Each structure stands twice: as C-alpha cells, then as structure tokens.
C-alpha cells in the first residue's frame, strides 16, 4: 500500500503543470496585516503594504530585496508607523511550478515612529528610532498566467527599537500579486 501511495504521489506531483521554467526576475506587491508588539508593551493590529524584487540565481535560489510599511492610528496612543527594508536569500525547495512554495531569511533596517497628539494640557510628542531587523518567512505562489501569479506569505520579523527595551516581535501575513520577467 505504501508503494502504491508513493507512486501515486510521484505521478500527481509530476503532472503539475510547470509554466515550466524558472523566471529570471520577479516583482511582487501586496497588502499586509501585522500583529506588532510596540516598544511600550501594548500590541497593535496594523495594516499596510509590502513590495519585493527577486533575482533568481538558480532554479532553487534567488536574491530578494523587500520593503514594507505598516500603520495604526489609536487616538490617544497616537499614530504608529513601522517601515522595514530587507535583503537576503529566497529558497525554492521544489523549484518553480504551478504552485510554488518558498522561504526566505532577510536582514536589514527598521524604522519606528509614534506621534502622540496633545491631550489634557500635555504637548504633542514624537518617538522614533532606527534598529537592525531580520525577517524569516515562507509563502506560496500560484501561477495564474504565464507572467502573473498570486502570492500569500507569512513572516516573523522581530526588531529591538530603543535598544534597552525587550524586542518587539511582529507576525505578518500578506496577500498580493507577482509578476515574472524573463526565463532562467
């Protein structure tokens, strides 16, 4: 029975249409939902955007540049913005097919800004900081047409703004589109 299941899985996976070749470059953009732990200890649900460009060096390995921005407006807690810029490798363990799983580990810089409005006689205040950041995540691309695909991804990206405070973990899910250029 095990052999039959193995052969069946082999033929099913082999029959997945492969729009077949690895693209040379990919550009993606999408909307995000981010659960962010702010430096002052409270959690924020943030909406935002993400965009990335990938250059595929091999059928299983690419280099990625990613930028993102997430936002929240909580009246007396202020307007919070978190921006990140990352670079690093992206892995395609099963190469490119109709359904392409991938993973990445990225390193870069994060920027945090919180502007608190004046309230109860207290003046307005702005807190901001830059910090080293990294991101680990995985995603799934579904090819829709020869050059177009849909992408869903999940990322974990902790930062340590304001140095001596505990780190701020962030869990982000994003959904968007991918455009593929050229063939490797």
C-alpha atoms as a PDB file:
ATOM      1  CA  UNK A   1       0.000   0.000   0.000  1.00  0.00           C
ATOM      2  CA  UNK A   2       2.851   2.341   0.847  1.00  0.00           C
ATOM      3  CA  UNK A   3       4.434   1.756  -2.553  1.00  0.00           C
ATOM      4  CA  UNK A   4       1.149   2.420  -4.359  1.00  0.00           C
ATOM      5  CA  UNK A   5       0.654   5.683  -2.436  1.00  0.00           C
ATOM      6  CA  UNK A   6       4.249   6.687  -3.174  1.00  0.00           C
ATOM      7  CA  UNK A   7       3.855   6.015  -6.902  1.00  0.00           C
ATOM      8  CA  UNK A   8       0.534   7.844  -6.986  1.00  0.00           C
ATOM      9  CA  UNK A   9       2.072  10.887  -5.242  1.00  0.00           C
ATOM     10  CA  UNK A  10       5.032  10.784  -7.657  1.00  0.00           C
ATOM     11  CA  UNK A  11       2.764  10.816 -10.725  1.00  0.00           C
ATOM     12  CA  UNK A  12       0.478  13.506  -9.282  1.00  0.00           C
ATOM     13  CA  UNK A  13       3.384  15.792  -8.443  1.00  0.00           C
ATOM     14  CA  UNK A  14       4.960  15.107 -11.808  1.00  0.00           C
ATOM     15  CA  UNK A  15       1.758  16.052 -13.595  1.00  0.00           C
ATOM     16  CA  UNK A  16       1.521  19.524 -12.063  1.00  0.00           C
ATOM     17  CA  UNK A  17       1.857  21.923 -14.978  1.00  0.00           C
ATOM     18  CA  UNK A  18       5.050  23.837 -14.576  1.00  0.00           C
ATOM     19  CA  UNK A  19       4.658  27.036 -16.555  1.00  0.00           C
ATOM     20  CA  UNK A  20       7.781  25.420 -16.570  1.00  0.00           C
ATOM     21  CA  UNK A  21      10.888  27.433 -16.348  1.00  0.00           C
ATOM     22  CA  UNK A  22      12.313  29.458 -13.546  1.00  0.00           C
ATOM     23  CA  UNK A  23      11.738  33.187 -14.119  1.00  0.00           C
ATOM     24  CA  UNK A  24      14.836  35.361 -14.163  1.00  0.00           C
ATOM     25  CA  UNK A  25      13.233  38.142 -12.106  1.00  0.00           C
ATOM     26  CA  UNK A  26      10.063  38.583 -10.049  1.00  0.00           C
ATOM     27  CA  UNK A  27       8.314  41.684  -8.733  1.00  0.00           C
ATOM     28  CA  UNK A  28       5.607  41.377  -6.093  1.00  0.00           C
ATOM     29  CA  UNK A  29       3.344  43.734  -4.162  1.00  0.00           C
ATOM     30  CA  UNK A  30       0.530  43.230  -1.703  1.00  0.00           C
ATOM     31  CA  UNK A  31      -1.431  44.284   1.319  1.00  0.00           C
ATOM     32  CA  UNK A  32      -0.496  43.186   4.843  1.00  0.00           C
ATOM     33  CA  UNK A  33      -1.983  42.552   8.260  1.00  0.00           C
ATOM     34  CA  UNK A  34       0.622  42.829  11.021  1.00  0.00           C
ATOM     35  CA  UNK A  35       0.285  41.919  14.717  1.00  0.00           C
ATOM     36  CA  UNK A  36       3.006  44.135  16.205  1.00  0.00           C
ATOM     37  CA  UNK A  37       4.226  44.348  19.813  1.00  0.00           C
ATOM     38  CA  UNK A  38       5.114  48.015  20.302  1.00  0.00           C
ATOM     39  CA  UNK A  39       8.129  49.138  22.422  1.00  0.00           C
ATOM     40  CA  UNK A  40       5.832  50.367  25.217  1.00  0.00           C
ATOM     41  CA  UNK A  41       4.366  46.879  25.666  1.00  0.00           C
ATOM     42  CA  UNK A  42       0.953  47.012  24.007  1.00  0.00           C
ATOM     43  CA  UNK A  43       0.034  45.067  20.861  1.00  0.00           C
ATOM     44  CA  UNK A  44      -1.136  46.754  17.684  1.00  0.00           C
ATOM     45  CA  UNK A  45      -3.057  45.365  14.737  1.00  0.00           C
ATOM     46  CA  UNK A  46      -1.580  47.187  11.772  1.00  0.00           C
ATOM     47  CA  UNK A  47      -2.495  47.328   8.101  1.00  0.00           C
ATOM     48  CA  UNK A  48      -0.010  48.153   5.407  1.00  0.00           C
ATOM     49  CA  UNK A  49       1.860  47.131   2.271  1.00  0.00           C
ATOM     50  CA  UNK A  50       4.829  45.073   1.154  1.00  0.00           C
ATOM     51  CA  UNK A  51       6.794  45.011  -2.076  1.00  0.00           C
ATOM     52  CA  UNK A  52       9.740  42.941  -3.215  1.00  0.00           C
ATOM     53  CA  UNK A  53      12.005  42.247  -6.127  1.00  0.00           C
ATOM     54  CA  UNK A  54      13.747  38.921  -6.636  1.00  0.00           C
ATOM     55  CA  UNK A  55      16.540  37.870  -8.950  1.00  0.00           C
ATOM     56  CA  UNK A  56      16.768  34.097  -9.344  1.00  0.00           C
ATOM     57  CA  UNK A  57      20.381  32.920  -9.388  1.00  0.00           C
ATOM     58  CA  UNK A  58      19.465  29.224  -9.729  1.00  0.00           C
ATOM     59  CA  UNK A  59      16.233  27.260 -10.089  1.00  0.00           C
ATOM     60  CA  UNK A  60      16.135  26.870  -6.286  1.00  0.00           C
ATOM     61  CA  UNK A  61      17.861  30.076  -5.081  1.00  0.00           C
ATOM     62  CA  UNK A  62      17.221  33.793  -5.516  1.00  0.00           C
ATOM     63  CA  UNK A  63      18.265  37.096  -4.003  1.00  0.00           C
ATOM     64  CA  UNK A  64      15.462  39.256  -2.612  1.00  0.00           C
ATOM     65  CA  UNK A  65      15.027  42.930  -1.719  1.00  0.00           C
ATOM     66  CA  UNK A  66      11.874  43.671   0.303  1.00  0.00           C
ATOM     67  CA  UNK A  67      10.327  46.884   1.640  1.00  0.00           C
ATOM     68  CA  UNK A  68       7.246  47.206   3.850  1.00  0.00           C
ATOM     69  CA  UNK A  69       5.228  49.734   5.777  1.00  0.00           C
ATOM     70  CA  UNK A  70       2.592  49.121   8.471  1.00  0.00           C
ATOM     71  CA  UNK A  71       0.308  51.690  10.103  1.00  0.00           C
ATOM     72  CA  UNK A  72      -2.069  52.124  13.046  1.00  0.00           C
ATOM     73  CA  UNK A  73      -3.950  55.125  14.429  1.00  0.00           C
ATOM     74  CA  UNK A  74      -5.115  54.732  18.056  1.00  0.00           C
ATOM     75  CA  UNK A  75      -6.346  58.219  19.028  1.00  0.00           C
ATOM     76  CA  UNK A  76      -4.659  58.933  22.388  1.00  0.00           C
ATOM     77  CA  UNK A  77      -1.954  56.282  21.820  1.00  0.00           C
ATOM     78  CA  UNK A  78      -1.051  58.105  18.606  1.00  0.00           C
ATOM     79  CA  UNK A  79      -0.247  57.245  15.028  1.00  0.00           C
ATOM     80  CA  UNK A  80       2.259  54.431  14.746  1.00  0.00           C
ATOM     81  CA  UNK A  81       4.253  53.616  11.609  1.00  0.00           C
ATOM     82  CA  UNK A  82       6.804  50.828  11.138  1.00  0.00           C
ATOM     83  CA  UNK A  83       8.915  50.660   7.972  1.00  0.00           C
ATOM     84  CA  UNK A  84      11.395  47.917   7.093  1.00  0.00           C
ATOM     85  CA  UNK A  85      13.930  47.366   4.311  1.00  0.00           C
ATOM     86  CA  UNK A  86      15.450  43.878   3.946  1.00  0.00           C
ATOM     87  CA  UNK A  87      17.792  41.926   1.688  1.00  0.00           C
ATOM     88  CA  UNK A  88      18.694  38.223   1.660  1.00  0.00           C
ATOM     89  CA  UNK A  89      18.260  34.808   0.052  1.00  0.00           C
ATOM     90  CA  UNK A  90      14.992  33.251  -1.076  1.00  0.00           C
ATOM     91  CA  UNK A  91      14.755  29.465  -1.440  1.00  0.00           C
ATOM     92  CA  UNK A  92      12.511  27.421  -3.734  1.00  0.00           C
ATOM     93  CA  UNK A  93      12.877  23.864  -2.401  1.00  0.00           C
ATOM     94  CA  UNK A  94      10.724  22.295  -5.161  1.00  0.00           C
ATOM     95  CA  UNK A  95      11.692  24.790  -7.881  1.00  0.00           C
ATOM     96  CA  UNK A  96       9.032  26.750  -9.819  1.00  0.00           C
ATOM     97  CA  UNK A  97       5.742  25.079 -10.706  1.00  0.00           C
ATOM     98  CA  UNK A  98       2.049  25.951 -10.921  1.00  0.00           C
ATOM     99  CA  UNK A  99       2.091  26.009  -7.098  1.00  0.00           C
ATOM    100  CA  UNK A 100       5.471  27.186  -5.786  1.00  0.00           C
ATOM    101  CA  UNK A 101       6.313  27.095  -2.060  1.00  0.00           C
ATOM    102  CA  UNK A 102       9.257  29.241  -0.977  1.00  0.00           C
ATOM    103  CA  UNK A 103      11.039  30.513   2.138  1.00  0.00           C
ATOM    104  CA  UNK A 104      13.336  33.434   2.905  1.00  0.00           C
ATOM    105  CA  UNK A 105      15.575  34.856   5.617  1.00  0.00           C
ATOM    106  CA  UNK A 106      16.212  38.582   5.270  1.00  0.00           C
ATOM    107  CA  UNK A 107      18.277  41.158   7.146  1.00  0.00           C
ATOM    108  CA  UNK A 108      18.064  44.933   7.172  1.00  0.00           C
ATOM    109  CA  UNK A 109      16.874  48.055   8.927  1.00  0.00           C
ATOM    110  CA  UNK A 110      13.638  49.006  10.647  1.00  0.00           C
ATOM    111  CA  UNK A 111      12.198  52.447  11.418  1.00  0.00           C
ATOM    112  CA  UNK A 112       9.595  53.040  14.145  1.00  0.00           C
ATOM    113  CA  UNK A 113       7.625  56.280  14.544  1.00  0.00           C
ATOM    114  CA  UNK A 114       4.869  57.061  17.021  1.00  0.00           C
ATOM    115  CA  UNK A 115       3.340  60.555  17.097  1.00  0.00           C
ATOM    116  CA  UNK A 116       1.097  61.232  20.092  1.00  0.00           C
ATOM    117  CA  UNK A 117      -1.336  64.180  19.802  1.00  0.00           C
ATOM    118  CA  UNK A 118      -1.618  66.860  22.506  1.00  0.00           C
ATOM    119  CA  UNK A 119      -4.024  65.851  25.277  1.00  0.00           C
ATOM    120  CA  UNK A 120      -5.108  67.180  28.659  1.00  0.00           C
ATOM    121  CA  UNK A 121      -2.583  70.016  28.646  1.00  0.00           C
ATOM    122  CA  UNK A 122       0.327  67.794  27.602  1.00  0.00           C
ATOM    123  CA  UNK A 123       2.115  68.748  24.381  1.00  0.00           C
ATOM    124  CA  UNK A 124       2.343  66.513  21.322  1.00  0.00           C
ATOM    125  CA  UNK A 125       5.222  64.037  21.371  1.00  0.00           C
ATOM    126  CA  UNK A 126       7.045  62.033  18.693  1.00  0.00           C
ATOM    127  CA  UNK A 127       9.077  58.889  19.440  1.00  0.00           C
ATOM    128  CA  UNK A 128      11.173  57.408  16.653  1.00  0.00           C
ATOM    129  CA  UNK A 129      14.093  55.033  16.265  1.00  0.00           C
ATOM    130  CA  UNK A 130      16.067  53.023  13.722  1.00  0.00           C
ATOM    131  CA  UNK A 131      17.127  49.460  14.542  1.00  0.00           C
ATOM    132  CA  UNK A 132      18.606  46.338  12.988  1.00  0.00           C
ATOM    133  CA  UNK A 133      15.848  43.944  11.930  1.00  0.00           C
ATOM    134  CA  UNK A 134      15.573  40.490  10.447  1.00  0.00           C
ATOM    135  CA  UNK A 135      12.721  38.506   8.948  1.00  0.00           C
ATOM    136  CA  UNK A 136      12.078  34.822   8.460  1.00  0.00           C
ATOM    137  CA  UNK A 137       9.124  33.651   6.486  1.00  0.00           C
ATOM    138  CA  UNK A 138       7.549  31.414   3.906  1.00  0.00           C
ATOM    139  CA  UNK A 139       4.975  31.721   1.199  1.00  0.00           C
ATOM    140  CA  UNK A 140       3.119  30.101  -1.616  1.00  0.00           C
ATOM    141  CA  UNK A 141       2.809  31.386  -5.205  1.00  0.00           C
ATOM    142  CA  UNK A 142       0.024  30.243  -7.507  1.00  0.00           C
ATOM    143  CA  UNK A 143       0.688  30.860 -11.209  1.00  0.00           C
ATOM    144  CA  UNK A 144      -2.406  32.296 -12.860  1.00  0.00           C
ATOM    145  CA  UNK A 145      -0.982  33.132 -16.298  1.00  0.00           C
ATOM    146  CA  UNK A 146       2.442  32.882 -17.882  1.00  0.00           C
ATOM    147  CA  UNK A 147       3.772  36.030 -16.170  1.00  0.00           C
ATOM    148  CA  UNK A 148       1.220  36.603 -13.384  1.00  0.00           C
ATOM    149  CA  UNK A 149       0.704  34.863 -10.079  1.00  0.00           C
ATOM    150  CA  UNK A 150      -0.971  35.275  -6.685  1.00  0.00           C
ATOM    151  CA  UNK A 151       1.107  35.213  -3.504  1.00  0.00           C
ATOM    152  CA  UNK A 152       0.329  34.572   0.146  1.00  0.00           C
ATOM    153  CA  UNK A 153       3.107  34.796   2.730  1.00  0.00           C
ATOM    154  CA  UNK A 154       3.641  34.636   6.477  1.00  0.00           C
ATOM    155  CA  UNK A 155       6.588  36.391   8.161  1.00  0.00           C
ATOM    156  CA  UNK A 156       8.053  36.695  11.623  1.00  0.00           C
ATOM    157  CA  UNK A 157      10.123  39.864  11.968  1.00  0.00           C
ATOM    158  CA  UNK A 158      11.404  40.903  15.396  1.00  0.00           C
ATOM    159  CA  UNK A 159      13.130  44.237  15.988  1.00  0.00           C
ATOM    160  CA  UNK A 160      14.691  45.896  19.020  1.00  0.00           C
ATOM    161  CA  UNK A 161      13.805  49.577  18.878  1.00  0.00           C
ATOM    162  CA  UNK A 162      15.058  51.857  21.679  1.00  0.00           C
ATOM    163  CA  UNK A 163      17.932  49.447  22.460  1.00  0.00           C
ATOM    164  CA  UNK A 164      17.496  48.603  26.132  1.00  0.00           C
ATOM    165  CA  UNK A 165      13.834  47.565  25.873  1.00  0.00           C
ATOM    166  CA  UNK A 166      12.812  43.954  25.149  1.00  0.00           C
ATOM    167  CA  UNK A 167      12.460  43.060  21.464  1.00  0.00           C
ATOM    168  CA  UNK A 168       9.245  43.723  19.587  1.00  0.00           C
ATOM    169  CA  UNK A 169       8.059  40.574  17.797  1.00  0.00           C
ATOM    170  CA  UNK A 170       5.855  41.013  14.773  1.00  0.00           C
ATOM    171  CA  UNK A 171       3.767  38.448  12.908  1.00  0.00           C
ATOM    172  CA  UNK A 172       2.654  39.464   9.438  1.00  0.00           C
ATOM    173  CA  UNK A 173       0.503  37.882   6.756  1.00  0.00           C
ATOM    174  CA  UNK A 174       0.302  39.371   3.290  1.00  0.00           C
ATOM    175  CA  UNK A 175      -1.591  38.662   0.094  1.00  0.00           C
ATOM    176  CA  UNK A 176      -0.652  40.089  -3.279  1.00  0.00           C
ATOM    177  CA  UNK A 177       0.373  39.657  -6.897  1.00  0.00           C
ATOM    178  CA  UNK A 178       3.617  38.514  -8.532  1.00  0.00           C
ATOM    179  CA  UNK A 179       4.870  39.483 -11.981  1.00  0.00           C
ATOM    180  CA  UNK A 180       7.581  37.302 -13.548  1.00  0.00           C
ATOM    181  CA  UNK A 181      10.110  38.594 -16.094  1.00  0.00           C
ATOM    182  CA  UNK A 182      12.262  36.503 -18.406  1.00  0.00           C
ATOM    183  CA  UNK A 183      13.358  32.893 -18.054  1.00  0.00           C
ATOM    184  CA  UNK A 184      16.418  31.429 -16.408  1.00  0.00           C
END
